[in-house]
Amino acid sequence: MLNAFTVDVEEYFHPTELQTDAPAKSWRAFPSRLQDQIDRILDLFGAHDVSATFFILGWIAKQHPRIVRLIAANGHEIGCHSNTHRLVYNLTPAQFREDTNTAVAAIEDACGITPRCYRAPSYSITNDCLWAFDVLAECGFTHDSSVYPICHDRYGIPGFSRHATVVYTASGAIQEIPPATVRLSSRNIAPIGGGAYLRLLPYSYTAAGIRRVNQVERQPVCMYFHPWEIDPQQPRIAKGLLSRLRTYTGLASMEPKLRRLITDFRFRTMSKIYPAVADQRGPDAEAEAVRILAAGSGALL
């Protein structure tokens, strides 16, 4: 079965865990390590016939347009990862719209492509900001991958669909693609989507989870990682113990795990695996939209 592979293109000083230790006003003072990371990723993907969706920060597109053009030239899909990695639930709808439009413009200037796939920083579309779906549809996005259907201290909507689902808004339909999870019991949903979960846990756990979803549930999965996760030599900026554990543990093992992952499974871009849907909203879909997007409803799909 074909699965979706995605890359959140950001520098080692961009993660949410570092927002206190590396605020946006200081970013230009840090040396970039992105070019080498992207070169290695493109070589790895090329050698294993992987095409992926690269979610680009607007800040990256403005500072490193050549990198964005290189990714596109290698046949990968260009998506949007916000402008400056601000969490959606910390923004107003107007601020989110401005941030998104600014990022899209920077990506268009860099490579001439208008992104139609979006991923929020740190999966920060939660029950507190379900209005973000409407803003994304208004901005022309057809796909989103910003909801993690798990419990986490910073993100997640427990009970949200574990597989691709269509969210209908006043501005149109948008397909939501959650990162991969596996159901361990009726109440226990475990993340297997990549990122820190791939770095911190044994590869056998991730591989078994993907096989279970592919073979038992007959569904594709969506995987992700960040370029800085294959760079053990990156500067250690995070100061807090939890931040350091989350950000730097397992860096040396990440590239070998990725190599095994793309050897054992087949991957394509997000829009290849999950084609855009027509906005055909009948009465049932309208009722579903109200249920999903009612602010403060604790929406479940």
C-alpha atoms as a PDB file:
ATOM      1  CA  MET A   1       0.000   0.000   0.000  1.00  0.00           C
ATOM      2  CA  LEU A   2       1.192   3.527  -0.763  1.00  0.00           C
ATOM      3  CA  ASN A   3       1.492   5.857   2.228  1.00  0.00           C
ATOM      4  CA  ALA A   4       2.079   9.597   2.498  1.00  0.00           C
ATOM      5  CA  PHE A   5       5.439  11.040   3.517  1.00  0.00           C
ATOM      6  CA  THR A   6       5.775  14.639   4.701  1.00  0.00           C
ATOM      7  CA  VAL A   7       8.633  16.882   5.820  1.00  0.00           C
ATOM      8  CA  ASP A   8       8.193  19.991   7.976  1.00  0.00           C
ATOM      9  CA  VAL A   9      10.900  22.274   6.605  1.00  0.00           C
ATOM     10  CA  GLU A  10      12.258  24.389   9.428  1.00  0.00           C
ATOM     11  CA  GLU A  11      15.628  25.173  10.988  1.00  0.00           C
ATOM     12  CA  TYR A  12      16.962  23.641  14.200  1.00  0.00           C
ATOM     13  CA  PHE A  13      16.086  26.871  16.031  1.00  0.00           C
ATOM     14  CA  HIS A  14      12.416  26.887  14.982  1.00  0.00           C
ATOM     15  CA  PRO A  15      10.767  24.119  17.058  1.00  0.00           C
ATOM     16  CA  THR A  16       8.119  25.154  19.569  1.00  0.00           C
ATOM     17  CA  GLU A  17      10.255  23.728  22.360  1.00  0.00           C
ATOM     18  CA  LEU A  18      12.831  26.470  21.631  1.00  0.00           C
ATOM     19  CA  GLN A  19      10.534  29.500  21.432  1.00  0.00           C
ATOM     20  CA  THR A  20      11.791  30.835  24.759  1.00  0.00           C
ATOM     21  CA  ASP A  21      15.470  30.043  24.156  1.00  0.00           C
ATOM     22  CA  ALA A  22      15.457  31.111  20.474  1.00  0.00           C
ATOM     23  CA  PRO A  23      12.795  33.803  19.922  1.00  0.00           C
ATOM     24  CA  ALA A  24      12.028  34.874  16.360  1.00  0.00           C
ATOM     25  CA  LYS A  25      13.907  38.173  16.743  1.00  0.00           C
ATOM     26  CA  SER A  26      17.156  36.188  17.188  1.00  0.00           C
ATOM     27  CA  TRP A  27      16.776  33.727  14.283  1.00  0.00           C
ATOM     28  CA  ARG A  28      19.058  35.539  11.852  1.00  0.00           C
ATOM     29  CA  ALA A  29      21.895  35.298  14.360  1.00  0.00           C
ATOM     30  CA  PHE A  30      21.963  31.496  14.109  1.00  0.00           C
ATOM     31  CA  PRO A  31      23.941  29.866  11.286  1.00  0.00           C
ATOM     32  CA  SER A  32      21.761  27.915   8.875  1.00  0.00           C
ATOM     33  CA  ARG A  33      22.244  24.153   8.596  1.00  0.00           C
ATOM     34  CA  LEU A  34      19.273  23.549   6.309  1.00  0.00           C
ATOM     35  CA  GLN A  35      20.999  23.194   2.929  1.00  0.00           C
ATOM     36  CA  ASP A  36      23.045  20.160   3.935  1.00  0.00           C
ATOM     37  CA  GLN A  37      20.052  18.566   5.647  1.00  0.00           C
ATOM     38  CA  ILE A  38      17.829  19.015   2.583  1.00  0.00           C
ATOM     39  CA  ASP A  39      20.543  17.731   0.236  1.00  0.00           C
ATOM     40  CA  ARG A  40      20.800  14.548   2.297  1.00  0.00           C
ATOM     41  CA  ILE A  41      17.030  14.109   2.394  1.00  0.00           C
ATOM     42  CA  LEU A  42      16.660  14.612  -1.353  1.00  0.00           C
ATOM     43  CA  ASP A  43      19.454  12.119  -2.039  1.00  0.00           C
ATOM     44  CA  LEU A  44      17.835   9.609   0.326  1.00  0.00           C
ATOM     45  CA  PHE A  45      14.389  10.028  -1.224  1.00  0.00           C
ATOM     46  CA  GLY A  46      15.759   9.897  -4.751  1.00  0.00           C
ATOM     47  CA  ALA A  47      17.564   6.642  -4.084  1.00  0.00           C
ATOM     48  CA  HIS A  48      14.370   5.006  -2.783  1.00  0.00           C
ATOM     49  CA  ASP A  49      11.812   6.433  -5.230  1.00  0.00           C
ATOM     50  CA  VAL A  50      10.049   8.511  -2.581  1.00  0.00           C
ATOM     51  CA  SER A  51       8.041  11.604  -3.445  1.00  0.00           C
ATOM     52  CA  ALA A  52       6.948  13.631  -0.431  1.00  0.00           C
ATOM     53  CA  THR A  53       5.090  16.760   0.606  1.00  0.00           C
ATOM     54  CA  PHE A  54       7.448  19.390   2.033  1.00  0.00           C
ATOM     55  CA  PHE A  55       5.686  21.888   4.307  1.00  0.00           C
ATOM     56  CA  ILE A  56       7.709  25.105   4.028  1.00  0.00           C
ATOM     57  CA  LEU A  57       7.895  27.921   6.562  1.00  0.00           C
ATOM     58  CA  GLY A  58       7.353  31.308   4.922  1.00  0.00           C
ATOM     59  CA  TRP A  59      10.453  32.500   6.795  1.00  0.00           C
ATOM     60  CA  ILE A  60      12.464  29.720   5.140  1.00  0.00           C
ATOM     61  CA  ALA A  61      11.075  30.546   1.691  1.00  0.00           C
ATOM     62  CA  LYS A  62      12.124  34.167   2.113  1.00  0.00           C
ATOM     63  CA  GLN A  63      15.584  33.440   3.522  1.00  0.00           C
ATOM     64  CA  HIS A  64      16.408  30.397   1.372  1.00  0.00           C
ATOM     65  CA  PRO A  65      14.368  30.472  -1.862  1.00  0.00           C
ATOM     66  CA  ARG A  66      16.949  28.283  -3.625  1.00  0.00           C
ATOM     67  CA  ILE A  67      16.184  25.440  -1.215  1.00  0.00           C
ATOM     68  CA  VAL A  68      12.465  25.657  -1.977  1.00  0.00           C
ATOM     69  CA  ARG A  69      13.158  25.627  -5.733  1.00  0.00           C
ATOM     70  CA  LEU A  70      15.473  22.639  -5.289  1.00  0.00           C
ATOM     71  CA  ILE A  71      12.780  20.654  -3.463  1.00  0.00           C
ATOM     72  CA  ALA A  72      10.233  21.425  -6.184  1.00  0.00           C
ATOM     73  CA  ALA A  73      12.736  20.636  -8.955  1.00  0.00           C
ATOM     74  CA  ASN A  74      13.193  17.172  -7.463  1.00  0.00           C
ATOM     75  CA  GLY A  75       9.509  16.424  -8.012  1.00  0.00           C
ATOM     76  CA  HIS A  76       8.217  16.897  -4.484  1.00  0.00           C
ATOM     77  CA  GLU A  77       5.017  18.654  -3.458  1.00  0.00           C
ATOM     78  CA  ILE A  78       5.271  22.102  -1.863  1.00  0.00           C
ATOM     79  CA  GLY A  79       3.056  22.812   1.129  1.00  0.00           C
ATOM     80  CA  CYS A  80       2.817  25.576   3.730  1.00  0.00           C
ATOM     81  CA  HIS A  81       3.942  25.334   7.374  1.00  0.00           C
ATOM     82  CA  SER A  82       2.921  28.868   8.491  1.00  0.00           C
ATOM     83  CA  ASN A  83       5.116  31.939   8.270  1.00  0.00           C
ATOM     84  CA  THR A  84       7.026  32.099  11.553  1.00  0.00           C
ATOM     85  CA  HIS A  85       5.998  28.907  13.389  1.00  0.00           C
ATOM     86  CA  ARG A  86       3.393  30.540  15.630  1.00  0.00           C
ATOM     87  CA  LEU A  87       0.898  28.169  17.232  1.00  0.00           C
ATOM     88  CA  VAL A  88      -2.568  28.558  15.738  1.00  0.00           C
ATOM     89  CA  TYR A  89      -4.406  28.499  19.062  1.00  0.00           C
ATOM     90  CA  ASN A  90      -2.357  31.513  20.191  1.00  0.00           C
ATOM     91  CA  LEU A  91      -3.618  33.584  17.220  1.00  0.00           C
ATOM     92  CA  THR A  92      -6.884  35.283  16.374  1.00  0.00           C
ATOM     93  CA  PRO A  93      -8.573  34.328  13.093  1.00  0.00           C
ATOM     94  CA  ALA A  94      -7.354  37.619  11.577  1.00  0.00           C
ATOM     95  CA  GLN A  95      -3.777  36.967  12.709  1.00  0.00           C
ATOM     96  CA  PHE A  96      -3.898  33.411  11.401  1.00  0.00           C
ATOM     97  CA  ARG A  97      -5.185  34.604   8.039  1.00  0.00           C
ATOM     98  CA  GLU A  98      -2.415  37.203   7.803  1.00  0.00           C
ATOM     99  CA  ASP A  99       0.269  34.700   8.837  1.00  0.00           C
ATOM    100  CA  THR A 100      -0.954  32.175   6.277  1.00  0.00           C
ATOM    101  CA  ASN A 101      -1.236  34.664   3.430  1.00  0.00           C
ATOM    102  CA  THR A 102       2.245  36.007   4.178  1.00  0.00           C
ATOM    103  CA  ALA A 103       3.685  32.485   4.090  1.00  0.00           C
ATOM    104  CA  VAL A 104       1.905  31.625   0.838  1.00  0.00           C
ATOM    105  CA  ALA A 105       3.216  34.794  -0.816  1.00  0.00           C
ATOM    106  CA  ALA A 106       6.794  33.987   0.277  1.00  0.00           C
ATOM    107  CA  ILE A 107       6.519  30.442  -1.089  1.00  0.00           C
ATOM    108  CA  GLU A 108       5.069  31.703  -4.380  1.00  0.00           C
ATOM    109  CA  ASP A 109       7.915  34.219  -4.698  1.00  0.00           C
ATOM    110  CA  ALA A 110      10.478  31.488  -4.004  1.00  0.00           C
ATOM    111  CA  CYS A 111       9.314  28.823  -6.445  1.00  0.00           C
ATOM    112  CA  GLY A 112       6.275  30.033  -8.391  1.00  0.00           C
ATOM    113  CA  ILE A 113       4.011  27.417  -6.759  1.00  0.00           C
ATOM    114  CA  THR A 114       0.889  28.178  -4.742  1.00  0.00           C
ATOM    115  CA  PRO A 115       0.707  25.610  -1.926  1.00  0.00           C
ATOM    116  CA  ARG A 116      -2.594  23.803  -1.442  1.00  0.00           C
ATOM    117  CA  CYS A 117      -1.555  21.642   1.533  1.00  0.00           C
ATOM    118  CA  TYR A 118      -1.116  23.117   5.013  1.00  0.00           C
ATOM    119  CA  ARG A 119       0.310  21.913   8.324  1.00  0.00           C
ATOM    120  CA  ALA A 120       0.167  24.023  11.462  1.00  0.00           C
ATOM    121  CA  PRO A 121       3.257  24.289  13.658  1.00  0.00           C
ATOM    122  CA  SER A 122       3.162  21.569  16.316  1.00  0.00           C
ATOM    123  CA  TYR A 123      -0.234  20.322  15.095  1.00  0.00           C
ATOM    124  CA  SER A 124      -1.785  23.337  16.805  1.00  0.00           C
ATOM    125  CA  ILE A 125      -5.298  23.184  15.392  1.00  0.00           C
ATOM    126  CA  THR A 126      -7.208  22.070  18.466  1.00  0.00           C
ATOM    127  CA  ASN A 127     -10.744  22.381  19.799  1.00  0.00           C
ATOM    128  CA  ASP A 128      -9.874  25.969  20.775  1.00  0.00           C
ATOM    129  CA  CYS A 129      -9.376  27.079  17.161  1.00  0.00           C
ATOM    130  CA  LEU A 130     -11.567  24.994  14.877  1.00  0.00           C
ATOM    131  CA  TRP A 131     -12.276  28.238  12.997  1.00  0.00           C
ATOM    132  CA  ALA A 132      -8.872  27.653  11.356  1.00  0.00           C
ATOM    133  CA  PHE A 133     -10.453  25.189   8.923  1.00  0.00           C
ATOM    134  CA  ASP A 134     -12.658  27.931   7.515  1.00  0.00           C
ATOM    135  CA  VAL A 135      -9.688  30.301   7.159  1.00  0.00           C
ATOM    136  CA  LEU A 136      -7.653  27.642   5.349  1.00  0.00           C
ATOM    137  CA  ALA A 137     -10.489  26.873   2.947  1.00  0.00           C
ATOM    138  CA  GLU A 138     -10.936  30.605   2.364  1.00  0.00           C
ATOM    139  CA  CYS A 139      -7.225  30.846   1.522  1.00  0.00           C
ATOM    140  CA  GLY A 140      -7.586  28.129  -1.113  1.00  0.00           C
ATOM    141  CA  PHE A 141      -6.156  25.098   0.705  1.00  0.00           C
ATOM    142  CA  THR A 142      -7.581  21.715  -0.239  1.00  0.00           C
ATOM    143  CA  HIS A 143      -5.627  19.616   2.297  1.00  0.00           C
ATOM    144  CA  ASP A 144      -4.648  20.110   5.921  1.00  0.00           C
ATOM    145  CA  SER A 145      -2.599  17.950   8.274  1.00  0.00           C
ATOM    146  CA  SER A 146      -2.766  19.839  11.561  1.00  0.00           C
ATOM    147  CA  VAL A 147      -4.854  17.659  13.889  1.00  0.00           C
ATOM    148  CA  TYR A 148      -3.278  14.879  15.923  1.00  0.00           C
ATOM    149  CA  PRO A 149      -6.029  12.616  17.325  1.00  0.00           C
ATOM    150  CA  ILE A 150      -4.178  11.935  20.591  1.00  0.00           C
ATOM    151  CA  CYS A 151      -3.766  13.378  24.092  1.00  0.00           C
ATOM    152  CA  HIS A 152      -0.710  15.614  24.434  1.00  0.00           C
ATOM    153  CA  ASP A 153       0.246  18.510  26.683  1.00  0.00           C
ATOM    154  CA  ARG A 154       0.527  20.912  23.726  1.00  0.00           C
ATOM    155  CA  TYR A 155      -1.724  19.639  20.950  1.00  0.00           C
ATOM    156  CA  GLY A 156      -4.273  17.023  19.949  1.00  0.00           C
ATOM    157  CA  ILE A 157      -8.008  16.432  19.573  1.00  0.00           C
ATOM    158  CA  PRO A 158      -8.753  13.058  21.175  1.00  0.00           C
ATOM    159  CA  GLY A 159     -11.603  11.398  19.329  1.00  0.00           C
ATOM    160  CA  PHE A 160     -10.898  13.073  16.001  1.00  0.00           C
ATOM    161  CA  SER A 161     -10.877  10.726  13.015  1.00  0.00           C
ATOM    162  CA  ARG A 162      -7.651   8.721  12.788  1.00  0.00           C
ATOM    163  CA  HIS A 163      -7.918   8.608   9.007  1.00  0.00           C
ATOM    164  CA  ALA A 164      -8.502  11.165   6.275  1.00  0.00           C
ATOM    165  CA  THR A 165     -11.820  12.954   6.642  1.00  0.00           C
ATOM    166  CA  VAL A 166     -13.502  15.885   4.935  1.00  0.00           C
ATOM    167  CA  VAL A 167     -14.280  18.992   6.966  1.00  0.00           C
ATOM    168  CA  TYR A 168     -16.942  21.249   5.465  1.00  0.00           C
ATOM    169  CA  THR A 169     -16.821  24.969   6.221  1.00  0.00           C
ATOM    170  CA  ALA A 170     -18.618  28.073   5.056  1.00  0.00           C
ATOM    171  CA  SER A 171     -15.698  28.681   2.682  1.00  0.00           C
ATOM    172  CA  GLY A 172     -15.552  25.179   1.228  1.00  0.00           C
ATOM    173  CA  ALA A 173     -14.403  21.634   1.879  1.00  0.00           C
ATOM    174  CA  ILE A 174     -10.941  20.739   3.128  1.00  0.00           C
ATOM    175  CA  GLN A 175      -9.538  17.249   3.595  1.00  0.00           C
ATOM    176  CA  GLU A 176      -7.936  16.692   6.997  1.00  0.00           C
ATOM    177  CA  ILE A 177      -5.067  14.169   7.034  1.00  0.00           C
ATOM    178  CA  PRO A 178      -4.027  13.254  10.595  1.00  0.00           C
ATOM    179  CA  PRO A 179      -0.541  11.877  11.224  1.00  0.00           C
ATOM    180  CA  ALA A 180      -0.430   8.141  11.717  1.00  0.00           C
ATOM    181  CA  THR A 181      -1.800   6.496  14.839  1.00  0.00           C
ATOM    182  CA  VAL A 182      -2.650   2.931  15.776  1.00  0.00           C
ATOM    183  CA  ARG A 183      -5.554   1.780  17.944  1.00  0.00           C
ATOM    184  CA  LEU A 184      -4.301  -0.358  20.819  1.00  0.00           C
ATOM    185  CA  SER A 185      -7.664  -0.609  22.587  1.00  0.00           C
ATOM    186  CA  SER A 186     -11.063   1.076  22.563  1.00  0.00           C
ATOM    187  CA  ARG A 187      -9.610   4.016  24.513  1.00  0.00           C
ATOM    188  CA  ASN A 188      -5.916   3.870  23.723  1.00  0.00           C
ATOM    189  CA  ILE A 189      -4.670   5.560  20.538  1.00  0.00           C
ATOM    190  CA  ALA A 190      -0.884   5.484  20.064  1.00  0.00           C
ATOM    191  CA  PRO A 191       1.090   7.823  17.763  1.00  0.00           C
ATOM    192  CA  ILE A 192       3.265   6.193  15.091  1.00  0.00           C
ATOM    193  CA  GLY A 193       3.506   9.151  12.685  1.00  0.00           C
ATOM    194  CA  GLY A 194       7.220   9.887  12.927  1.00  0.00           C
ATOM    195  CA  GLY A 195       9.028  12.901  14.342  1.00  0.00           C
ATOM    196  CA  ALA A 196       9.952  12.474  17.997  1.00  0.00           C
ATOM    197  CA  TYR A 197       7.948   9.246  18.171  1.00  0.00           C
ATOM    198  CA  LEU A 198      10.228   7.707  15.535  1.00  0.00           C
ATOM    199  CA  ARG A 199      13.360   9.084  17.205  1.00  0.00           C
ATOM    200  CA  LEU A 200      12.464   8.029  20.737  1.00  0.00           C
ATOM    201  CA  LEU A 201      10.835   4.638  20.193  1.00  0.00           C
ATOM    202  CA  PRO A 202      12.184   1.422  18.641  1.00  0.00           C
ATOM    203  CA  TYR A 203      11.819   1.182  14.875  1.00  0.00           C
ATOM    204  CA  SER A 204       9.962  -2.111  15.302  1.00  0.00           C
ATOM    205  CA  TYR A 205       7.157  -0.245  17.104  1.00  0.00           C
ATOM    206  CA  THR A 206       6.645   2.172  14.201  1.00  0.00           C
ATOM    207  CA  ALA A 207       6.878  -0.526  11.537  1.00  0.00           C
ATOM    208  CA  ALA A 208       4.436  -2.817  13.337  1.00  0.00           C
ATOM    209  CA  GLY A 209       1.980   0.048  13.719  1.00  0.00           C
ATOM    210  CA  ILE A 210       2.121   0.962  10.025  1.00  0.00           C
ATOM    211  CA  ARG A 211       1.651  -2.674   8.992  1.00  0.00           C
ATOM    212  CA  ARG A 212      -1.345  -2.977  11.285  1.00  0.00           C
ATOM    213  CA  VAL A 213      -3.017   0.096   9.806  1.00  0.00           C
ATOM    214  CA  ASN A 214      -2.179  -0.929   6.218  1.00  0.00           C
ATOM    215  CA  GLN A 215      -3.055  -4.609   6.505  1.00  0.00           C
ATOM    216  CA  VAL A 216      -5.801  -4.779   9.124  1.00  0.00           C
ATOM    217  CA  GLU A 217      -7.543  -1.430   8.657  1.00  0.00           C
ATOM    218  CA  ARG A 218      -6.682  -1.227   4.948  1.00  0.00           C
ATOM    219  CA  GLN A 219      -5.813   2.439   5.291  1.00  0.00           C
ATOM    220  CA  PRO A 220      -2.717   4.467   4.300  1.00  0.00           C
ATOM    221  CA  VAL A 221      -0.787   6.391   6.929  1.00  0.00           C
ATOM    222  CA  CYS A 222       0.752   9.850   6.920  1.00  0.00           C
ATOM    223  CA  MET A 223       4.332  10.076   8.236  1.00  0.00           C
ATOM    224  CA  TYR A 224       6.417  13.160   9.026  1.00  0.00           C
ATOM    225  CA  PHE A 225       9.784  14.386  10.264  1.00  0.00           C
ATOM    226  CA  HIS A 226      11.914  17.558  10.335  1.00  0.00           C
ATOM    227  CA  PRO A 227      15.249  18.110   8.553  1.00  0.00           C
ATOM    228  CA  TRP A 228      17.009  18.980  11.825  1.00  0.00           C
ATOM    229  CA  GLU A 229      16.130  15.512  13.155  1.00  0.00           C
ATOM    230  CA  ILE A 230      18.810  13.917  10.960  1.00  0.00           C
ATOM    231  CA  ASP A 231      21.520  16.324  12.185  1.00  0.00           C
ATOM    232  CA  PRO A 232      23.212  15.129  15.411  1.00  0.00           C
ATOM    233  CA  GLN A 233      25.815  17.904  15.138  1.00  0.00           C
ATOM    234  CA  GLN A 234      23.313  20.764  15.424  1.00  0.00           C
ATOM    235  CA  PRO A 235      23.874  23.337  18.199  1.00  0.00           C
ATOM    236  CA  ARG A 236      22.084  22.490  21.452  1.00  0.00           C
ATOM    237  CA  ILE A 237      19.983  25.587  22.130  1.00  0.00           C
ATOM    238  CA  ALA A 238      17.225  24.256  24.384  1.00  0.00           C
ATOM    239  CA  LYS A 239      17.951  24.795  28.074  1.00  0.00           C
ATOM    240  CA  GLY A 240      15.131  23.033  29.912  1.00  0.00           C
ATOM    241  CA  LEU A 241      15.479  19.320  30.659  1.00  0.00           C
ATOM    242  CA  LEU A 242      12.172  18.342  29.042  1.00  0.00           C
ATOM    243  CA  SER A 243      12.875  20.513  25.995  1.00  0.00           C
ATOM    244  CA  ARG A 244      16.320  18.973  25.568  1.00  0.00           C
ATOM    245  CA  LEU A 245      14.950  15.450  25.891  1.00  0.00           C
ATOM    246  CA  ARG A 246      12.194  16.080  23.347  1.00  0.00           C
ATOM    247  CA  THR A 247      14.415  17.878  20.871  1.00  0.00           C
ATOM    248  CA  TYR A 248      17.758  16.077  20.944  1.00  0.00           C
ATOM    249  CA  THR A 249      17.151  12.493  22.049  1.00  0.00           C
ATOM    250  CA  GLY A 250      17.574   9.988  19.233  1.00  0.00           C
ATOM    251  CA  LEU A 251      19.060  12.322  16.628  1.00  0.00           C
ATOM    252  CA  ALA A 252      21.866   9.906  15.769  1.00  0.00           C
ATOM    253  CA  SER A 253      19.422   7.071  15.116  1.00  0.00           C
ATOM    254  CA  MET A 254      16.950   9.060  13.006  1.00  0.00           C
ATOM    255  CA  GLU A 255      18.536   8.802   9.560  1.00  0.00           C
ATOM    256  CA  PRO A 256      19.083   5.020   9.794  1.00  0.00           C
ATOM    257  CA  LYS A 257      15.452   4.645  10.900  1.00  0.00           C
ATOM    258  CA  LEU A 258      14.245   6.763   7.982  1.00  0.00           C
ATOM    259  CA  ARG A 259      16.308   4.640   5.608  1.00  0.00           C
ATOM    260  CA  ARG A 260      14.657   1.493   6.958  1.00  0.00           C
ATOM    261  CA  LEU A 261      11.226   3.107   6.799  1.00  0.00           C
ATOM    262  CA  ILE A 262      11.419   4.062   3.135  1.00  0.00           C
ATOM    263  CA  THR A 263      12.925   0.652   2.322  1.00  0.00           C
ATOM    264  CA  ASP A 264      10.158  -1.287   4.080  1.00  0.00           C
ATOM    265  CA  PHE A 265       7.232   0.859   2.900  1.00  0.00           C
ATOM    266  CA  ARG A 266       6.254   2.825  -0.215  1.00  0.00           C
ATOM    267  CA  PHE A 267       5.576   6.560  -0.026  1.00  0.00           C
ATOM    268  CA  ARG A 268       4.127   9.308  -2.206  1.00  0.00           C
ATOM    269  CA  THR A 269       2.967  12.904  -1.701  1.00  0.00           C
ATOM    270  CA  MET A 270      -0.036  13.794   0.416  1.00  0.00           C
ATOM    271  CA  SER A 271      -2.222  14.890  -2.501  1.00  0.00           C
ATOM    272  CA  LYS A 272      -1.304  11.732  -4.428  1.00  0.00           C
ATOM    273  CA  ILE A 273      -2.506   9.512  -1.602  1.00  0.00           C
ATOM    274  CA  TYR A 274      -5.457  11.727  -0.673  1.00  0.00           C
ATOM    275  CA  PRO A 275      -6.898  13.453  -3.792  1.00  0.00           C
ATOM    276  CA  ALA A 276      -8.791  16.701  -3.277  1.00  0.00           C
ATOM    277  CA  VAL A 277     -12.537  16.309  -2.836  1.00  0.00           C
ATOM    278  CA  ALA A 278     -15.335  18.194  -4.544  1.00  0.00           C
ATOM    279  CA  ASP A 279     -17.222  20.587  -2.306  1.00  0.00           C
ATOM    280  CA  GLN A 280     -20.571  18.835  -2.554  1.00  0.00           C
ATOM    281  CA  ARG A 281     -22.395  19.818   0.589  1.00  0.00           C
ATOM    282  CA  GLY A 282     -25.795  18.274   1.073  1.00  0.00           C
ATOM    283  CA  PRO A 283     -27.941  18.618   4.193  1.00  0.00           C
ATOM    284  CA  ASP A 284     -26.037  15.918   6.053  1.00  0.00           C
ATOM    285  CA  ALA A 285     -22.688  17.550   5.308  1.00  0.00           C
ATOM    286  CA  GLU A 286     -23.971  20.928   6.483  1.00  0.00           C
ATOM    287  CA  ALA A 287     -25.113  19.365   9.742  1.00  0.00           C
ATOM    288  CA  GLU A 288     -21.709  17.722  10.110  1.00  0.00           C
ATOM    289  CA  ALA A 289     -20.008  21.075   9.556  1.00  0.00           C
ATOM    290  CA  VAL A 290     -22.002  22.622  12.369  1.00  0.00           C
ATOM    291  CA  ARG A 291     -21.108  19.722  14.637  1.00  0.00           C
ATOM    292  CA  ILE A 292     -17.413  19.813  13.770  1.00  0.00           C
ATOM    293  CA  LEU A 293     -16.862  23.543  13.839  1.00  0.00           C
ATOM    294  CA  ALA A 294     -19.026  24.594  16.784  1.00  0.00           C
ATOM    295  CA  ALA A 295     -16.569  26.491  18.970  1.00  0.00           C
ATOM    296  CA  GLY A 296     -16.044  24.931  22.352  1.00  0.00           C
ATOM    297  CA  SER A 297     -18.058  21.826  21.507  1.00  0.00           C
ATOM    298  CA  GLY A 298     -15.215  19.392  22.126  1.00  0.00           C
ATOM    299  CA  ALA A 299     -15.802  18.314  18.541  1.00  0.00           C
ATOM    300  CA  LEU A 300     -15.418  14.657  17.759  1.00  0.00           C
ATOM    301  CA  LEU A 301     -15.453  13.079  14.305  1.00  0.00           C
END
